[in-house]
Amino acid sequence: MSLIDKIEDLRKKPEPVRYRVLIISLIIIMSVIIFFWITLFKYSLKNSEIVGKDNSLKPLKTVSAMISDFSRAFKNNFSKVKENIKNIQK
């Protein structure tokens, strides 16, 4: 069943069911966004001491440091997940 079929099935359901699906979807999406926001905020506090010769460059360096730390942490966690999946399959 494709995504379009699921959407069509959802459109045929009564309004309270559609509303419930909307609320659940909203909660899930907002949880993911808040998780990433908090994670990046934690890295920004850690890297808040980055100061260049010109203070106008500080935000760029902070953002680049946050992105590199986040990507490094994501890669490490993703590799651990892959290893766990391989171990489960064995």
PDB file of N, CA and C in Angstrom:
ATOM      1  N   MET A   1       0.840  -1.162   0.000  1.00  0.00           N
ATOM      2  CA  MET A   1       0.000   0.000   0.000  1.00  0.00           C
ATOM      3  C   MET A   1       0.899   1.243   0.000  1.00  0.00           C
ATOM      4  N   SER A   2       0.714   2.101  -0.941  1.00  0.00           N
ATOM      5  CA  SER A   2       1.552   3.283  -1.048  1.00  0.00           C
ATOM      6  C   SER A   2       1.059   4.400  -0.125  1.00  0.00           C
ATOM      7  N   LEU A   3       1.840   5.424  -0.036  1.00  0.00           N
ATOM      8  CA  LEU A   3       1.491   6.557   0.813  1.00  0.00           C
ATOM      9  C   LEU A   3       0.229   7.248   0.318  1.00  0.00           C
ATOM     10  N   ILE A   4       0.082   7.344  -0.978  1.00  0.00           N
ATOM     11  CA  ILE A   4      -1.111   7.987  -1.546  1.00  0.00           C
ATOM     12  C   ILE A   4      -2.367   7.195  -1.194  1.00  0.00           C
ATOM     13  N   ASP A   5      -2.280   5.871  -1.235  1.00  0.00           N
ATOM     14  CA  ASP A   5      -3.419   5.033  -0.842  1.00  0.00           C
ATOM     15  C   ASP A   5      -3.780   5.236   0.630  1.00  0.00           C
ATOM     16  N   LYS A   6      -2.755   5.345   1.464  1.00  0.00           N
ATOM     17  CA  LYS A   6      -3.018   5.570   2.894  1.00  0.00           C
ATOM     18  C   LYS A   6      -3.669   6.925   3.120  1.00  0.00           C
ATOM     19  N   ILE A   7      -3.228   7.918   2.377  1.00  0.00           N
ATOM     20  CA  ILE A   7      -3.836   9.249   2.500  1.00  0.00           C
ATOM     21  C   ILE A   7      -5.291   9.208   2.049  1.00  0.00           C
ATOM     22  N   GLU A   8      -5.562   8.513   0.968  1.00  0.00           N
ATOM     23  CA  GLU A   8      -6.942   8.390   0.485  1.00  0.00           C
ATOM     24  C   GLU A   8      -7.814   7.662   1.515  1.00  0.00           C
ATOM     25  N   ASP A   9      -7.278   6.614   2.119  1.00  0.00           N
ATOM     26  CA  ASP A   9      -8.035   5.904   3.164  1.00  0.00           C
ATOM     27  C   ASP A   9      -8.306   6.815   4.355  1.00  0.00           C
ATOM     28  N   LEU A  10      -7.328   7.613   4.705  1.00  0.00           N
ATOM     29  CA  LEU A  10      -7.496   8.536   5.822  1.00  0.00           C
ATOM     30  C   LEU A  10      -8.544   9.602   5.505  1.00  0.00           C
ATOM     31  N   ARG A  11      -8.601  10.050   4.274  1.00  0.00           N
ATOM     32  CA  ARG A  11      -9.595  11.059   3.882  1.00  0.00           C
ATOM     33  C   ARG A  11     -11.023  10.517   3.975  1.00  0.00           C
ATOM     34  N   LYS A  12     -11.166   9.215   3.833  1.00  0.00           N
ATOM     35  CA  LYS A  12     -12.492   8.601   3.892  1.00  0.00           C
ATOM     36  C   LYS A  12     -12.975   8.379   5.329  1.00  0.00           C
ATOM     37  N   LYS A  13     -12.076   8.448   6.286  1.00  0.00           N
ATOM     38  CA  LYS A  13     -12.446   8.189   7.677  1.00  0.00           C
ATOM     39  C   LYS A  13     -13.169   9.393   8.267  1.00  0.00           C
ATOM     40  N   PRO A  14     -13.872   9.185   9.367  1.00  0.00           N
ATOM     41  CA  PRO A  14     -14.591  10.299  10.008  1.00  0.00           C
ATOM     42  C   PRO A  14     -13.627  11.362  10.548  1.00  0.00           C
ATOM     43  N   GLU A  15     -14.178  12.535  10.742  1.00  0.00           N
ATOM     44  CA  GLU A  15     -13.356  13.668  11.160  1.00  0.00           C
ATOM     45  C   GLU A  15     -12.627  13.455  12.484  1.00  0.00           C
ATOM     46  N   PRO A  16     -13.235  12.850  13.510  1.00  0.00           N
ATOM     47  CA  PRO A  16     -12.492  12.637  14.766  1.00  0.00           C
ATOM     48  C   PRO A  16     -11.250  11.757  14.578  1.00  0.00           C
ATOM     49  N   VAL A  17     -11.341  10.776  13.699  1.00  0.00           N
ATOM     50  CA  VAL A  17     -10.185   9.906  13.436  1.00  0.00           C
ATOM     51  C   VAL A  17      -9.088  10.702  12.728  1.00  0.00           C
ATOM     52  N   ARG A  18      -9.472  11.509  11.763  1.00  0.00           N
ATOM     53  CA  ARG A  18      -8.493  12.330  11.045  1.00  0.00           C
ATOM     54  C   ARG A  18      -7.836  13.327  11.995  1.00  0.00           C
ATOM     55  N   TYR A  19      -8.621  13.891  12.888  1.00  0.00           N
ATOM     56  CA  TYR A  19      -8.087  14.839  13.864  1.00  0.00           C
ATOM     57  C   TYR A  19      -7.085  14.151  14.789  1.00  0.00           C
ATOM     58  N   ARG A  20      -7.397  12.939  15.223  1.00  0.00           N
ATOM     59  CA  ARG A  20      -6.501  12.186  16.095  1.00  0.00           C
ATOM     60  C   ARG A  20      -5.175  11.883  15.379  1.00  0.00           C
ATOM     61  N   VAL A  21      -5.261  11.514  14.098  1.00  0.00           N
ATOM     62  CA  VAL A  21      -4.050  11.246  13.318  1.00  0.00           C
ATOM     63  C   VAL A  21      -3.233  12.532  13.176  1.00  0.00           C
ATOM     64  N   LEU A  22      -3.908  13.653  12.970  1.00  0.00           N
ATOM     65  CA  LEU A  22      -3.226  14.943  12.875  1.00  0.00           C
ATOM     66  C   LEU A  22      -2.480  15.269  14.161  1.00  0.00           C
ATOM     67  N   ILE A  23      -3.129  15.102  15.287  1.00  0.00           N
ATOM     68  CA  ILE A  23      -2.509  15.422  16.580  1.00  0.00           C
ATOM     69  C   ILE A  23      -1.315  14.505  16.842  1.00  0.00           C
ATOM     70  N   ILE A  24      -1.459  13.221  16.579  1.00  0.00           N
ATOM     71  CA  ILE A  24      -0.353  12.277  16.793  1.00  0.00           C
ATOM     72  C   ILE A  24       0.818  12.614  15.876  1.00  0.00           C
ATOM     73  N   SER A  25       0.531  12.915  14.616  1.00  0.00           N
ATOM     74  CA  SER A  25       1.587  13.286  13.675  1.00  0.00           C
ATOM     75  C   SER A  25       2.287  14.558  14.116  1.00  0.00           C
ATOM     76  N   LEU A  26       1.515  15.525  14.567  1.00  0.00           N
ATOM     77  CA  LEU A  26       2.080  16.783  15.035  1.00  0.00           C
ATOM     78  C   LEU A  26       2.992  16.563  16.234  1.00  0.00           C
ATOM     79  N   ILE A  27       2.561  15.728  17.174  1.00  0.00           N
ATOM     80  CA  ILE A  27       3.374  15.448  18.363  1.00  0.00           C
ATOM     81  C   ILE A  27       4.686  14.777  17.976  1.00  0.00           C
ATOM     82  N   ILE A  28       4.630  13.831  17.060  1.00  0.00           N
ATOM     83  CA  ILE A  28       5.846  13.128  16.635  1.00  0.00           C
ATOM     84  C   ILE A  28       6.808  14.083  15.939  1.00  0.00           C
ATOM     85  N   ILE A  29       6.307  14.868  15.005  1.00  0.00           N
ATOM     86  CA  ILE A  29       7.167  15.787  14.259  1.00  0.00           C
ATOM     87  C   ILE A  29       7.769  16.844  15.186  1.00  0.00           C
ATOM     88  N   MET A  30       6.959  17.401  16.066  1.00  0.00           N
ATOM     89  CA  MET A  30       7.471  18.413  16.984  1.00  0.00           C
ATOM     90  C   MET A  30       8.475  17.814  17.969  1.00  0.00           C
ATOM     91  N   SER A  31       8.289  16.567  18.364  1.00  0.00           N
ATOM     92  CA  SER A  31       9.254  15.915  19.258  1.00  0.00           C
ATOM     93  C   SER A  31      10.605  15.789  18.578  1.00  0.00           C
ATOM     94  N   VAL A  32      10.599  15.409  17.319  1.00  0.00           N
ATOM     95  CA  VAL A  32      11.855  15.290  16.576  1.00  0.00           C
ATOM     96  C   VAL A  32      12.524  16.661  16.452  1.00  0.00           C
ATOM     97  N   ILE A  33      11.757  17.682  16.108  1.00  0.00           N
ATOM     98  CA  ILE A  33      12.319  19.028  15.972  1.00  0.00           C
ATOM     99  C   ILE A  33      12.879  19.524  17.301  1.00  0.00           C
ATOM    100  N   ILE A  34      12.151  19.323  18.382  1.00  0.00           N
ATOM    101  CA  ILE A  34      12.622  19.773  19.699  1.00  0.00           C
ATOM    102  C   ILE A  34      13.863  18.998  20.117  1.00  0.00           C
ATOM    103  N   PHE A  35      13.919  17.699  19.803  1.00  0.00           N
ATOM    104  CA  PHE A  35      15.099  16.898  20.114  1.00  0.00           C
ATOM    105  C   PHE A  35      16.334  17.466  19.424  1.00  0.00           C
ATOM    106  N   PHE A  36      16.223  17.749  18.112  1.00  0.00           N
ATOM    107  CA  PHE A  36      17.359  18.312  17.390  1.00  0.00           C
ATOM    108  C   PHE A  36      17.708  19.705  17.904  1.00  0.00           C
ATOM    109  N   TRP A  37      16.715  20.492  18.255  1.00  0.00           N
ATOM    110  CA  TRP A  37      16.962  21.834  18.760  1.00  0.00           C
ATOM    111  C   TRP A  37      17.720  21.781  20.082  1.00  0.00           C
ATOM    112  N   ILE A  38      17.299  20.897  20.977  1.00  0.00           N
ATOM    113  CA  ILE A  38      17.974  20.770  22.271  1.00  0.00           C
ATOM    114  C   ILE A  38      19.396  20.246  22.079  1.00  0.00           C
ATOM    115  N   THR A  39      19.571  19.287  21.176  1.00  0.00           N
ATOM    116  CA  THR A  39      20.894  18.747  20.901  1.00  0.00           C
ATOM    117  C   THR A  39      21.815  19.837  20.385  1.00  0.00           C
ATOM    118  N   LEU A  40      21.345  20.632  19.437  1.00  0.00           N
ATOM    119  CA  LEU A  40      22.174  21.709  18.905  1.00  0.00           C
ATOM    120  C   LEU A  40      22.402  22.794  19.950  1.00  0.00           C
ATOM    121  N   PHE A  41      21.436  23.047  20.802  1.00  0.00           N
ATOM    122  CA  PHE A  41      21.598  24.032  21.863  1.00  0.00           C
ATOM    123  C   PHE A  41      22.684  23.600  22.831  1.00  0.00           C
ATOM    124  N   LYS A  42      22.723  22.298  23.136  1.00  0.00           N
ATOM    125  CA  LYS A  42      23.750  21.766  24.032  1.00  0.00           C
ATOM    126  C   LYS A  42      25.134  21.984  23.424  1.00  0.00           C
ATOM    127  N   TYR A  43      25.265  21.741  22.119  1.00  0.00           N
ATOM    128  CA  TYR A  43      26.544  21.946  21.451  1.00  0.00           C
ATOM    129  C   TYR A  43      26.894  23.427  21.364  1.00  0.00           C
ATOM    130  N   SER A  44      25.891  24.293  21.243  1.00  0.00           N
ATOM    131  CA  SER A  44      26.190  25.718  21.166  1.00  0.00           C
ATOM    132  C   SER A  44      26.696  26.240  22.506  1.00  0.00           C
ATOM    133  N   LEU A  45      26.184  25.707  23.602  1.00  0.00           N
ATOM    134  CA  LEU A  45      26.695  26.110  24.915  1.00  0.00           C
ATOM    135  C   LEU A  45      28.126  25.645  25.105  1.00  0.00           C
ATOM    136  N   LYS A  46      28.425  24.460  24.611  1.00  0.00           N
ATOM    137  CA  LYS A  46      29.765  23.905  24.733  1.00  0.00           C
ATOM    138  C   LYS A  46      30.759  24.725  23.910  1.00  0.00           C
ATOM    139  N   ASN A  47      30.329  25.203  22.757  1.00  0.00           N
ATOM    140  CA  ASN A  47      31.213  25.919  21.848  1.00  0.00           C
ATOM    141  C   ASN A  47      31.027  27.431  21.922  1.00  0.00           C
ATOM    142  N   SER A  48      30.422  27.934  22.972  1.00  0.00           N
ATOM    143  CA  SER A  48      30.153  29.366  23.054  1.00  0.00           C
ATOM    144  C   SER A  48      31.414  30.187  23.293  1.00  0.00           C
ATOM    145  N   GLU A  49      32.503  29.539  23.636  1.00  0.00           N
ATOM    146  CA  GLU A  49      33.738  30.265  23.903  1.00  0.00           C
ATOM    147  C   GLU A  49      34.561  30.494  22.651  1.00  0.00           C
ATOM    148  N   ILE A  50      34.067  30.093  21.475  1.00  0.00           N
ATOM    149  CA  ILE A  50      34.791  30.300  20.225  1.00  0.00           C
ATOM    150  C   ILE A  50      34.719  31.776  19.866  1.00  0.00           C
ATOM    151  N   VAL A  51      35.879  32.421  19.844  1.00  0.00           N
ATOM    152  CA  VAL A  51      35.921  33.844  19.521  1.00  0.00           C
ATOM    153  C   VAL A  51      37.012  34.054  18.491  1.00  0.00           C
ATOM    154  N   GLY A  52      36.665  34.740  17.423  1.00  0.00           N
ATOM    155  CA  GLY A  52      37.649  35.073  16.410  1.00  0.00           C
ATOM    156  C   GLY A  52      38.191  36.466  16.649  1.00  0.00           C
ATOM    157  N   LYS A  53      39.068  36.927  15.747  1.00  0.00           N
ATOM    158  CA  LYS A  53      39.596  38.282  15.855  1.00  0.00           C
ATOM    159  C   LYS A  53      38.483  39.299  15.665  1.00  0.00           C
ATOM    160  N   ASP A  54      37.537  38.944  14.821  1.00  0.00           N
ATOM    161  CA  ASP A  54      36.408  39.824  14.561  1.00  0.00           C
ATOM    162  C   ASP A  54      35.160  39.148  15.120  1.00  0.00           C
ATOM    163  N   ASN A  55      34.441  39.813  15.996  1.00  0.00           N
ATOM    164  CA  ASN A  55      33.262  39.213  16.632  1.00  0.00           C
ATOM    165  C   ASN A  55      32.170  38.859  15.640  1.00  0.00           C
ATOM    166  N   SER A  56      32.178  39.432  14.440  1.00  0.00           N
ATOM    167  CA  SER A  56      31.151  39.104  13.455  1.00  0.00           C
ATOM    168  C   SER A  56      31.329  37.689  12.917  1.00  0.00           C
ATOM    169  N   LEU A  57      32.529  37.126  13.058  1.00  0.00           N
ATOM    170  CA  LEU A  57      32.775  35.764  12.582  1.00  0.00           C
ATOM    171  C   LEU A  57      32.394  34.715  13.619  1.00  0.00           C
ATOM    172  N   LYS A  58      32.196  35.115  14.851  1.00  0.00           N
ATOM    173  CA  LYS A  58      31.887  34.168  15.914  1.00  0.00           C
ATOM    174  C   LYS A  58      30.652  33.318  15.626  1.00  0.00           C
ATOM    175  N   PRO A  59      29.528  33.881  15.172  1.00  0.00           N
ATOM    176  CA  PRO A  59      28.361  33.032  14.895  1.00  0.00           C
ATOM    177  C   PRO A  59      28.629  31.987  13.810  1.00  0.00           C
ATOM    178  N   LEU A  60      29.382  32.344  12.790  1.00  0.00           N
ATOM    179  CA  LEU A  60      29.687  31.377  11.731  1.00  0.00           C
ATOM    180  C   LEU A  60      30.545  30.240  12.250  1.00  0.00           C
ATOM    181  N   LYS A  61      31.532  30.572  13.064  1.00  0.00           N
ATOM    182  CA  LYS A  61      32.381  29.524  13.624  1.00  0.00           C
ATOM    183  C   LYS A  61      31.593  28.637  14.586  1.00  0.00           C
ATOM    184  N   THR A  62      30.711  29.248  15.355  1.00  0.00           N
ATOM    185  CA  THR A  62      29.903  28.482  16.292  1.00  0.00           C
ATOM    186  C   THR A  62      28.984  27.526  15.554  1.00  0.00           C
ATOM    187  N   VAL A  63      28.332  28.010  14.511  1.00  0.00           N
ATOM    188  CA  VAL A  63      27.426  27.154  13.736  1.00  0.00           C
ATOM    189  C   VAL A  63      28.200  26.037  13.053  1.00  0.00           C
ATOM    190  N   SER A  64      29.351  26.352  12.468  1.00  0.00           N
ATOM    191  CA  SER A  64      30.125  25.293  11.807  1.00  0.00           C
ATOM    192  C   SER A  64      30.612  24.263  12.818  1.00  0.00           C
ATOM    193  N   ALA A  65      31.016  24.708  14.015  1.00  0.00           N
ATOM    194  CA  ALA A  65      31.434  23.760  15.050  1.00  0.00           C
ATOM    195  C   ALA A  65      30.272  22.903  15.516  1.00  0.00           C
ATOM    196  N   MET A  66      29.083  23.521  15.664  1.00  0.00           N
ATOM    197  CA  MET A  66      27.898  22.758  16.071  1.00  0.00           C
ATOM    198  C   MET A  66      27.551  21.702  15.030  1.00  0.00           C
ATOM    199  N   ILE A  67      27.592  22.083  13.770  1.00  0.00           N
ATOM    200  CA  ILE A  67      27.239  21.135  12.702  1.00  0.00           C
ATOM    201  C   ILE A  67      28.248  20.008  12.635  1.00  0.00           C
ATOM    202  N   SER A  68      29.526  20.320  12.742  1.00  0.00           N
ATOM    203  CA  SER A  68      30.529  19.252  12.676  1.00  0.00           C
ATOM    204  C   SER A  68      30.422  18.310  13.875  1.00  0.00           C
ATOM    205  N   ASP A  69      30.204  18.864  15.082  1.00  0.00           N
ATOM    206  CA  ASP A  69      30.030  18.005  16.260  1.00  0.00           C
ATOM    207  C   ASP A  69      28.781  17.145  16.144  1.00  0.00           C
ATOM    208  N   PHE A  70      27.695  17.751  15.656  1.00  0.00           N
ATOM    209  CA  PHE A  70      26.451  17.010  15.508  1.00  0.00           C
ATOM    210  C   PHE A  70      26.607  15.888  14.474  1.00  0.00           C
ATOM    211  N   SER A  71      27.254  16.199  13.353  1.00  0.00           N
ATOM    212  CA  SER A  71      27.423  15.163  12.322  1.00  0.00           C
ATOM    213  C   SER A  71      28.329  14.048  12.826  1.00  0.00           C
ATOM    214  N   ARG A  72      29.367  14.392  13.587  1.00  0.00           N
ATOM    215  CA  ARG A  72      30.262  13.375  14.142  1.00  0.00           C
ATOM    216  C   ARG A  72      29.500  12.474  15.116  1.00  0.00           C
ATOM    217  N   ALA A  73      28.699  13.082  15.981  1.00  0.00           N
ATOM    218  CA  ALA A  73      27.915  12.303  16.943  1.00  0.00           C
ATOM    219  C   ALA A  73      26.879  11.440  16.235  1.00  0.00           C
ATOM    220  N   PHE A  74      26.250  11.984  15.187  1.00  0.00           N
ATOM    221  CA  PHE A  74      25.263  11.223  14.433  1.00  0.00           C
ATOM    222  C   PHE A  74      25.909  10.024  13.759  1.00  0.00           C
ATOM    223  N   LYS A  75      27.088  10.208  13.152  1.00  0.00           N
ATOM    224  CA  LYS A  75      27.788   9.100  12.499  1.00  0.00           C
ATOM    225  C   LYS A  75      28.161   8.022  13.506  1.00  0.00           C
ATOM    226  N   ASN A  76      28.642   8.438  14.679  1.00  0.00           N
ATOM    227  CA  ASN A  76      29.004   7.464  15.708  1.00  0.00           C
ATOM    228  C   ASN A  76      27.785   6.669  16.168  1.00  0.00           C
ATOM    229  N   ASN A  77      26.686   7.362  16.413  1.00  0.00           N
ATOM    230  CA  ASN A  77      25.474   6.672  16.853  1.00  0.00           C
ATOM    231  C   ASN A  77      24.912   5.789  15.756  1.00  0.00           C
ATOM    232  N   PHE A  78      24.979   6.234  14.508  1.00  0.00           N
ATOM    233  CA  PHE A  78      24.472   5.432  13.394  1.00  0.00           C
ATOM    234  C   PHE A  78      25.288   4.168  13.229  1.00  0.00           C
ATOM    235  N   SER A  79      26.611   4.273  13.386  1.00  0.00           N
ATOM    236  CA  SER A  79      27.441   3.063  13.267  1.00  0.00           C
ATOM    237  C   SER A  79      27.133   2.082  14.399  1.00  0.00           C
ATOM    238  N   LYS A  80      26.848   2.602  15.590  1.00  0.00           N
ATOM    239  CA  LYS A  80      26.484   1.716  16.703  1.00  0.00           C
ATOM    240  C   LYS A  80      25.153   1.022  16.430  1.00  0.00           C
ATOM    241  N   VAL A  81      24.217   1.741  15.846  1.00  0.00           N
ATOM    242  CA  VAL A  81      22.920   1.148  15.508  1.00  0.00           C
ATOM    243  C   VAL A  81      23.110   0.055  14.467  1.00  0.00           C
ATOM    244  N   LYS A  82      23.939   0.309  13.458  1.00  0.00           N
ATOM    245  CA  LYS A  82      24.198  -0.705  12.434  1.00  0.00           C
ATOM    246  C   LYS A  82      24.816  -1.958  13.052  1.00  0.00           C
ATOM    247  N   GLU A  83      25.754  -1.769  13.986  1.00  0.00           N
ATOM    248  CA  GLU A  83      26.368  -2.908  14.651  1.00  0.00           C
ATOM    249  C   GLU A  83      25.340  -3.687  15.465  1.00  0.00           C
ATOM    250  N   ASN A  84      24.467  -2.981  16.150  1.00  0.00           N
ATOM    251  CA  ASN A  84      23.418  -3.655  16.942  1.00  0.00           C
ATOM    252  C   ASN A  84      22.470  -4.436  16.050  1.00  0.00           C
ATOM    253  N   ILE A  85      22.135  -3.886  14.913  1.00  0.00           N
ATOM    254  CA  ILE A  85      21.245  -4.600  13.980  1.00  0.00           C
ATOM    255  C   ILE A  85      21.927  -5.859  13.465  1.00  0.00           C
ATOM    256  N   LYS A  86      23.225  -5.757  13.138  1.00  0.00           N
ATOM    257  CA  LYS A  86      23.957  -6.932  12.676  1.00  0.00           C
ATOM    258  C   LYS A  86      24.001  -7.991  13.761  1.00  0.00           C
ATOM    259  N   ASN A  87      24.216  -7.571  15.016  1.00  0.00           N
ATOM    260  CA  ASN A  87      24.255  -8.522  16.122  1.00  0.00           C
ATOM    261  C   ASN A  87      22.901  -9.186  16.348  1.00  0.00           C
ATOM    262  N   ILE A  88      21.833  -8.433  16.150  1.00  0.00           N
ATOM    263  CA  ILE A  88      20.497  -8.998  16.322  1.00  0.00           C
ATOM    264  C   ILE A  88      20.212 -10.014  15.231  1.00  0.00           C
ATOM    265  N   GLN A  89      20.648  -9.738  14.018  1.00  0.00           N
ATOM    266  CA  GLN A  89      20.382 -10.638  12.894  1.00  0.00           C
ATOM    267  C   GLN A  89      21.155 -11.945  13.018  1.00  0.00           C
ATOM    268  N   LYS A  90      22.253 -11.947  13.762  1.00  0.00           N
ATOM    269  CA  LYS A  90      23.058 -13.169  13.932  1.00  0.00           C
ATOM    270  C   LYS A  90      22.421 -14.097  14.868  1.00  0.00           C
TER     271      LYS A  90
END
